[in-house]
Amino acid sequence: MGKEEKFKNSGIEIGIYTLGDIGPDPHNGKTISSGRRMKEIIQAAKLADEAGLDIFGVGEHHRLDYATSAPPVVLAAIAQITKRIKLTSATTVLSTVDPVRLFEDFATLDLLSDGRAEIIAGRGAFAESFPLFGYDINDYDTLFSEHIDLFLQLNQNERITWNGQFRSSLRNAEIAPRPLQNQIPISIGVGGTPGSAVRAGELGIGMTLVILGGDPMHFKPLVDLYRQTGIEAGHDPGNLKVCLTGHGYISKTTQQAKEEFYPYYSNYWSYVNVQRGMTARRISRTDFEQLTSKDTALFVGSPQEIIEKILRQYEIFGHQRFMAQIDIGGLPFKKVAEGIELLATEIAPIVRKETSK
């Protein structure tokens, strides 16, 4: 039995997530409104639910070029028009949100959705929420540590007494409402930092690993570190669950997918680099071809190509969930909807079957 074999389950979950970016269409330069983007996100979740995908995620950004600064509000709207799909933040910037408010919001979402709420918590790739909510960026890590410790206690207890550095103390405080689930599932979003993988393992909660490109083998040490740390901390290996995420675009053939997606992918990184304070630089077609080659983690291709990439990652990581971000770079909603359909009907059934063996 291989090292990862014991972590395999009856078939991995397949889903999608969005960060709600509002980028210009590279073909005509037009940018849709926040209202329209929001409606398209909700419609995408409805399509994903109807098509049979397992989970839908909504990210958090506090910028005018993103539509989703309040994931629990968006997810609550989605909960009312969906029936079975799980609903998660992707991610919650835990360093700059009050854990009590976060718990109450997602406990409410859990009740509204009949037990489908989840949280992916991260420290955030952007820093705009720190000054916005009155936090010091220099407290980046200590804020996260304190907030996740408090959240986990809130998740376990109806009443809590607690003291910390960054918020007022709690004295036998009632934490309401309680979720329908026994506890709200939470995982830590990891972008490549070993310390985050160690933290998730020590706490015995899930790890969501963001792999946006390159050879996925480079990330295997992080997953191994997470599991090793969790086991050494005394946690049940079966509870040390891994989710992988990545960018994707699906079309009938791999060449068609590359031709259609290249302008949007290049456009996406051009404006994201500017948002991060770097120089705008469009990816060359030569670089794009390399980024989308068979052994990389950029999921662009035919359904068969995507199946092969997901299964290759599964052989490496033995993970329990895969989520694709398929709406970036100003991509028209029609293409997003087509991608959801292909992912749900031509990819997910085969991946679930192959990973249940």
Protein backbone atom coordinates (compact mmCIF):
# COMPACT_ATOMS: atom_id res chain seq x y z
CA MET A 1 0.00 0.00 0.00
CA GLY A 2 1.42 3.40 -1.01
CA LYS A 3 2.04 6.20 1.44
CA GLU A 4 -1.02 8.13 0.27
CA GLU A 5 -3.26 5.08 -0.15
CA LYS A 6 -4.67 5.22 3.38
CA PHE A 7 -5.96 8.73 2.75
CA LYS A 8 -8.05 7.79 -0.26
CA ASN A 9 -11.82 7.75 0.06
CA SER A 10 -14.80 6.73 -2.04
CA GLY A 11 -14.20 9.41 -4.67
CA ILE A 12 -13.12 13.02 -4.46
CA GLU A 13 -15.52 15.94 -4.43
CA ILE A 14 -15.49 18.28 -7.42
CA GLY A 15 -16.49 21.93 -7.33
CA ILE A 16 -15.77 25.48 -8.42
CA TYR A 17 -15.01 28.78 -6.74
CA THR A 18 -14.90 32.46 -7.66
CA LEU A 19 -13.06 35.48 -6.34
CA GLY A 20 -15.53 37.80 -8.05
CA ASP A 21 -12.90 39.73 -10.03
CA ILE A 22 -14.33 42.35 -12.39
CA GLY A 23 -11.88 42.48 -15.26
CA PRO A 24 -12.34 44.05 -18.69
CA ASP A 25 -13.07 41.74 -21.58
CA PRO A 26 -9.75 41.65 -23.49
CA HIS A 27 -11.58 41.58 -26.83
CA ASN A 28 -13.66 44.74 -26.40
CA GLY A 29 -12.35 46.42 -23.25
CA LYS A 30 -15.81 46.47 -21.63
CA THR A 31 -16.22 45.80 -17.91
CA ILE A 32 -19.48 44.60 -16.42
CA SER A 33 -21.02 46.14 -13.29
CA SER A 34 -20.69 44.72 -9.78
CA GLY A 35 -24.41 44.01 -9.80
CA ARG A 36 -24.24 41.98 -12.97
CA ARG A 37 -21.14 40.12 -11.76
CA MET A 38 -22.96 39.24 -8.55
CA LYS A 39 -25.98 37.93 -10.42
CA GLU A 40 -23.74 35.84 -12.67
CA ILE A 41 -22.00 34.32 -9.63
CA ILE A 42 -25.33 33.34 -8.14
CA GLN A 43 -26.46 31.89 -11.45
CA ALA A 44 -23.19 29.93 -11.75
CA ALA A 45 -23.83 28.40 -8.33
CA LYS A 46 -27.36 27.44 -9.38
CA LEU A 47 -26.04 25.77 -12.53
CA ALA A 48 -23.34 23.96 -10.54
CA ASP A 49 -25.95 22.65 -8.10
CA GLU A 50 -28.31 21.49 -10.84
CA ALA A 51 -25.46 19.83 -12.75
CA GLY A 52 -24.38 17.85 -9.70
CA LEU A 53 -21.14 19.50 -8.57
CA ASP A 54 -20.30 19.09 -4.89
CA ILE A 55 -19.17 22.51 -3.67
CA PHE A 56 -19.23 26.20 -4.60
CA GLY A 57 -16.90 28.80 -3.11
CA VAL A 58 -16.94 32.60 -2.94
CA GLY A 59 -13.81 34.63 -2.17
CA GLU A 60 -13.33 37.84 -0.21
CA HIS A 61 -11.72 41.03 -1.51
CA HIS A 62 -12.23 44.63 -0.46
CA ARG A 63 -11.55 46.46 -3.72
CA LEU A 64 -13.63 48.17 -6.38
CA ASP A 65 -12.38 45.69 -9.00
CA TYR A 66 -13.90 42.74 -7.11
CA ALA A 67 -17.60 42.16 -6.44
CA THR A 68 -17.52 39.93 -3.37
CA SER A 69 -16.46 41.58 -0.13
CA ALA A 70 -19.13 39.74 1.90
CA PRO A 71 -19.06 35.99 1.07
CA PRO A 72 -21.64 34.92 3.70
CA VAL A 73 -24.19 37.33 2.21
CA VAL A 74 -23.60 36.04 -1.32
CA LEU A 75 -23.66 32.43 -0.11
CA ALA A 76 -26.91 33.05 1.77
CA ALA A 77 -28.50 34.24 -1.48
CA ILE A 78 -27.14 31.14 -3.23
CA ALA A 79 -28.49 28.92 -0.46
CA GLN A 80 -32.05 29.97 -1.32
CA ILE A 81 -31.86 28.82 -4.95
CA THR A 82 -29.79 25.65 -4.49
CA LYS A 83 -30.61 22.32 -2.90
CA ARG A 84 -27.57 20.17 -2.22
CA ILE A 85 -24.29 21.86 -3.16
CA LYS A 86 -21.98 22.72 -0.26
CA LEU A 87 -21.23 26.43 0.20
CA THR A 88 -17.86 27.76 1.33
CA SER A 89 -15.88 30.95 1.60
CA ALA A 90 -12.79 30.88 -0.59
CA THR A 91 -11.19 32.37 1.36
CA THR A 92 -12.22 34.30 4.46
CA VAL A 93 -9.43 36.72 5.44
CA LEU A 94 -9.44 35.54 9.04
CA SER A 95 -6.78 37.99 10.24
CA THR A 96 -9.11 40.96 9.73
CA VAL A 97 -12.56 39.62 10.60
CA ASP A 98 -14.00 39.31 14.09
CA PRO A 99 -14.26 35.56 14.79
CA VAL A 100 -17.52 35.99 16.69
CA ARG A 101 -19.14 37.79 13.77
CA LEU A 102 -17.71 35.22 11.36
CA PHE A 103 -19.11 32.33 13.36
CA GLU A 104 -22.54 33.92 13.66
CA ASP A 105 -22.65 34.68 9.93
CA PHE A 106 -21.75 31.14 8.91
CA ALA A 107 -23.91 29.52 11.56
CA THR A 108 -26.79 31.54 10.10
CA LEU A 109 -25.79 30.42 6.60
CA ASP A 110 -25.69 26.83 7.82
CA LEU A 111 -29.28 27.10 9.08
CA LEU A 112 -30.47 28.78 5.89
CA SER A 113 -28.81 26.12 3.73
CA ASP A 114 -29.86 23.09 5.82
CA GLY A 115 -26.32 22.31 6.89
CA ARG A 116 -24.19 23.14 3.83
CA ALA A 117 -21.92 25.92 5.15
CA GLU A 118 -18.11 25.68 5.25
CA ILE A 119 -15.18 28.08 5.68
CA ILE A 120 -11.76 28.23 4.06
CA ALA A 121 -9.73 30.63 6.21
CA GLY A 122 -6.57 32.34 5.05
CA ARG A 123 -4.34 35.28 5.81
CA GLY A 124 -5.09 36.91 2.47
CA ALA A 125 -2.99 37.56 -0.63
CA PHE A 126 -4.03 41.23 -0.60
CA ALA A 127 -3.52 43.65 2.30
CA GLU A 128 -6.39 46.12 1.80
CA SER A 129 -8.52 44.69 4.61
CA PHE A 130 -5.94 45.54 7.30
CA PRO A 131 -6.24 49.36 7.20
CA LEU A 132 -9.92 49.08 6.26
CA PHE A 133 -10.80 47.33 9.50
CA GLY A 134 -8.21 49.00 11.71
CA TYR A 135 -5.57 46.26 11.91
CA ASP A 136 -1.79 46.56 11.62
CA ILE A 137 -0.26 44.54 8.80
CA ASN A 138 2.69 43.86 11.09
CA ASP A 139 0.34 41.73 13.22
CA TYR A 140 -0.48 39.61 10.16
CA ASP A 141 0.46 36.25 11.67
CA THR A 142 -0.42 36.82 15.33
CA LEU A 143 -3.87 38.05 14.33
CA PHE A 144 -4.50 34.88 12.35
CA SER A 145 -3.31 32.67 15.20
CA GLU A 146 -5.52 34.37 17.75
CA HIS A 147 -8.56 34.52 15.49
CA ILE A 148 -8.48 30.88 14.45
CA ASP A 149 -7.99 29.79 18.06
CA LEU A 150 -11.05 31.78 19.09
CA PHE A 151 -13.11 30.57 16.12
CA LEU A 152 -12.41 26.93 16.93
CA GLN A 153 -13.54 27.50 20.52
CA LEU A 154 -16.70 29.24 19.30
CA ASN A 155 -17.33 26.29 16.99
CA GLN A 156 -17.29 23.92 19.96
CA ASN A 157 -19.07 25.86 22.71
CA GLU A 158 -22.45 27.55 23.13
CA ARG A 159 -20.99 29.72 25.88
CA ILE A 160 -17.41 30.90 26.10
CA THR A 161 -15.04 32.78 28.38
CA TRP A 162 -11.98 34.00 26.52
CA ASN A 163 -9.16 36.55 26.67
CA GLY A 164 -6.94 37.73 23.83
CA GLN A 165 -4.81 40.57 22.55
CA PHE A 166 -6.84 42.01 19.67
CA ARG A 167 -10.49 42.02 20.72
CA SER A 168 -12.51 42.51 23.87
CA SER A 169 -12.70 39.64 26.34
CA LEU A 170 -15.68 37.30 26.51
CA ARG A 171 -17.29 36.39 29.82
CA ASN A 172 -19.66 33.44 29.66
CA ALA A 173 -20.85 34.86 26.34
CA GLU A 174 -23.71 33.16 24.49
CA ILE A 175 -22.70 32.33 20.93
CA ALA A 176 -25.80 32.21 18.75
CA PRO A 177 -27.20 30.84 16.62
CA ARG A 178 -25.73 27.36 16.66
CA PRO A 179 -25.27 25.77 13.23
CA LEU A 180 -27.33 22.83 12.03
CA GLN A 181 -24.12 20.83 11.66
CA ASN A 182 -22.39 19.84 14.86
CA GLN A 183 -19.58 22.21 13.87
CA ILE A 184 -18.92 24.37 10.81
CA PRO A 185 -16.23 22.62 8.71
CA ILE A 186 -13.16 24.84 8.43
CA SER A 187 -9.88 24.46 6.58
CA ILE A 188 -6.82 26.67 6.27
CA GLY A 189 -5.98 28.04 2.83
CA VAL A 190 -2.30 27.46 2.03
CA GLY A 191 -0.49 29.16 -0.83
CA GLY A 192 2.91 27.56 -0.34
CA THR A 193 4.00 28.47 3.19
CA PRO A 194 5.15 25.51 5.32
CA GLY A 195 4.07 27.32 8.49
CA SER A 196 0.46 27.35 7.31
CA ALA A 197 0.57 23.63 6.55
CA VAL A 198 2.01 22.96 10.01
CA ARG A 199 -0.69 25.09 11.64
CA ALA A 200 -3.48 23.19 9.87
CA GLY A 201 -1.93 19.88 10.90
CA GLU A 202 -1.45 20.91 14.52
CA LEU A 203 -5.07 22.05 14.75
CA GLY A 204 -6.34 18.90 13.04
CA ILE A 205 -8.46 20.80 10.52
CA GLY A 206 -8.53 20.67 6.73
CA MET A 207 -5.95 22.18 4.37
CA THR A 208 -6.89 23.84 1.09
CA LEU A 209 -3.84 24.09 -1.13
CA VAL A 210 -3.77 26.68 -3.91
CA ILE A 211 -1.76 25.49 -6.93
CA LEU A 212 -2.05 27.99 -9.77
CA GLY A 213 0.64 26.55 -12.02
CA GLY A 214 3.87 24.65 -12.36
CA ASP A 215 4.56 21.02 -11.56
CA PRO A 216 2.25 19.89 -8.73
CA MET A 217 5.03 17.63 -7.42
CA HIS A 218 6.66 20.77 -6.01
CA PHE A 219 3.77 21.02 -3.52
CA LYS A 220 3.88 17.43 -2.29
CA PRO A 221 6.21 18.27 0.64
CA LEU A 222 3.55 20.66 1.98
CA VAL A 223 0.88 17.97 1.98
CA ASP A 224 3.26 15.46 3.54
CA LEU A 225 4.21 18.03 6.19
CA TYR A 226 0.56 18.73 6.95
CA ARG A 227 -0.31 15.06 7.40
CA GLN A 228 2.83 14.24 9.35
CA THR A 229 2.25 17.16 11.70
CA GLY A 230 -1.39 16.23 12.20
CA ILE A 231 -0.59 12.62 13.01
CA GLU A 232 2.20 13.64 15.41
CA ALA A 233 -0.27 16.00 17.11
CA GLY A 234 -2.55 13.01 17.75
CA HIS A 235 -5.25 13.70 15.17
CA ASP A 236 -7.09 10.99 13.26
CA PRO A 237 -5.51 10.71 9.78
CA GLY A 238 -9.01 10.38 8.34
CA ASN A 239 -9.80 13.90 9.52
CA LEU A 240 -6.73 15.44 7.84
CA LYS A 241 -8.48 16.32 4.59
CA VAL A 242 -6.86 18.04 1.64
CA CYS A 243 -8.53 20.20 -1.01
CA LEU A 244 -6.64 21.30 -4.12
CA THR A 245 -7.60 24.35 -6.13
CA GLY A 246 -6.49 25.73 -9.46
CA HIS A 247 -7.38 27.82 -12.50
CA GLY A 248 -9.17 26.07 -15.32
CA TYR A 249 -10.87 26.32 -18.68
CA ILE A 250 -12.56 23.45 -20.52
CA SER A 251 -13.54 23.13 -24.16
CA LYS A 252 -14.20 20.31 -26.62
CA THR A 253 -10.55 19.99 -27.60
CA THR A 254 -7.36 21.03 -25.87
CA GLN A 255 -6.31 23.26 -28.76
CA GLN A 256 -9.68 25.00 -28.78
CA ALA A 257 -9.45 25.52 -25.01
CA LYS A 258 -6.02 27.11 -25.35
CA GLU A 259 -7.09 29.37 -28.22
CA GLU A 260 -10.17 30.57 -26.38
CA PHE A 261 -8.66 30.98 -22.92
CA TYR A 262 -5.28 32.55 -23.68
CA PRO A 263 -6.54 36.16 -24.07
CA TYR A 264 -8.47 35.96 -20.79
CA TYR A 265 -5.69 34.27 -18.82
CA SER A 266 -3.09 36.76 -20.01
CA ASN A 267 -5.50 39.58 -19.27
CA TYR A 268 -6.13 38.24 -15.75
CA TRP A 269 -2.50 38.21 -14.72
CA SER A 270 -1.95 41.61 -16.28
CA TYR A 271 -4.47 43.31 -13.98
CA VAL A 272 -3.79 41.12 -10.95
CA ASN A 273 -0.10 42.08 -11.11
CA VAL A 274 -1.12 45.74 -11.13
CA GLN A 275 -3.42 45.16 -8.16
CA ARG A 276 -0.45 43.72 -6.28
CA GLY A 277 1.71 46.72 -7.04
CA MET A 278 3.72 45.11 -9.83
CA THR A 279 4.13 45.99 -13.49
CA ALA A 280 1.37 44.96 -15.87
CA ARG A 281 2.71 42.18 -18.06
CA ARG A 282 0.74 39.99 -20.39
CA ILE A 283 1.82 36.37 -20.62
CA SER A 284 3.26 35.50 -24.01
CA ARG A 285 1.68 32.73 -26.03
CA THR A 286 4.91 30.73 -25.77
CA ASP A 287 4.85 30.98 -21.98
CA PHE A 288 1.17 30.08 -21.97
CA GLU A 289 1.84 26.91 -23.96
CA GLN A 290 4.43 25.92 -21.37
CA LEU A 291 2.08 26.75 -18.48
CA THR A 292 -0.65 24.53 -19.92
CA SER A 293 1.51 21.52 -20.78
CA LYS A 294 0.49 18.06 -19.60
CA ASP A 295 2.58 17.97 -16.43
CA THR A 296 1.48 21.32 -15.02
CA ALA A 297 -1.31 22.33 -12.65
CA LEU A 298 -3.05 24.78 -14.98
CA PHE A 299 -6.26 22.97 -15.99
CA VAL A 300 -6.80 24.10 -19.58
CA GLY A 301 -7.90 21.55 -22.14
CA SER A 302 -10.44 19.00 -23.26
CA PRO A 303 -12.43 17.02 -20.69
CA GLN A 304 -10.01 14.10 -21.13
CA GLU A 305 -7.00 16.36 -20.59
CA ILE A 306 -8.54 17.77 -17.40
CA ILE A 307 -9.41 14.27 -16.16
CA GLU A 308 -5.82 13.17 -16.67
CA LYS A 309 -4.46 16.20 -14.79
CA ILE A 310 -6.83 15.76 -11.86
CA LEU A 311 -6.01 12.05 -11.62
CA ARG A 312 -2.28 12.75 -11.79
CA GLN A 313 -2.66 15.11 -8.84
CA TYR A 314 -4.71 12.49 -7.03
CA GLU A 315 -1.90 9.97 -7.45
CA ILE A 316 0.47 12.52 -5.93
CA PHE A 317 -1.67 13.84 -3.08
CA GLY A 318 -4.55 11.41 -2.46
CA HIS A 319 -6.73 14.46 -1.75
CA GLN A 320 -10.44 14.54 -0.95
CA ARG A 321 -11.60 17.55 -2.97
CA PHE A 322 -10.75 19.53 -6.11
CA MET A 323 -12.06 23.04 -6.85
CA ALA A 324 -11.50 24.97 -10.08
CA GLN A 325 -11.66 28.71 -10.64
CA ILE A 326 -13.11 29.01 -14.14
CA ASP A 327 -14.40 32.60 -14.38
CA ILE A 328 -11.29 34.81 -14.48
CA GLY A 329 -10.00 37.52 -16.79
CA GLY A 330 -13.31 38.97 -17.94
CA LEU A 331 -14.53 35.65 -19.32
CA PRO A 332 -18.14 35.93 -20.60
CA PHE A 333 -20.73 34.11 -18.51
CA LYS A 334 -21.71 31.93 -21.47
CA LYS A 335 -18.25 30.37 -21.40
CA VAL A 336 -18.38 29.95 -17.63
CA ALA A 337 -21.71 28.14 -17.92
CA GLU A 338 -20.31 25.85 -20.62
CA GLY A 339 -17.35 25.06 -18.37
CA ILE A 340 -19.62 24.16 -15.47
CA GLU A 341 -21.59 21.79 -17.68
CA LEU A 342 -18.47 20.05 -19.00
CA LEU A 343 -16.92 19.78 -15.54
CA ALA A 344 -20.08 18.31 -14.05
CA THR A 345 -21.13 15.94 -16.81
CA GLU A 346 -17.95 14.81 -18.59
CA ILE A 347 -15.22 15.15 -15.96
CA ALA A 348 -16.63 14.73 -12.45
CA PRO A 349 -18.30 11.32 -12.98
CA ILE A 350 -15.11 9.75 -14.34
CA VAL A 351 -12.90 11.33 -11.68
CA ARG A 352 -15.21 10.18 -8.90
CA LYS A 353 -15.26 6.64 -10.32
CA GLU A 354 -11.50 6.44 -10.75
CA THR A 355 -10.78 7.83 -7.28
CA SER A 356 -13.17 5.44 -5.57
CA LYS A 357 -11.17 2.38 -6.52
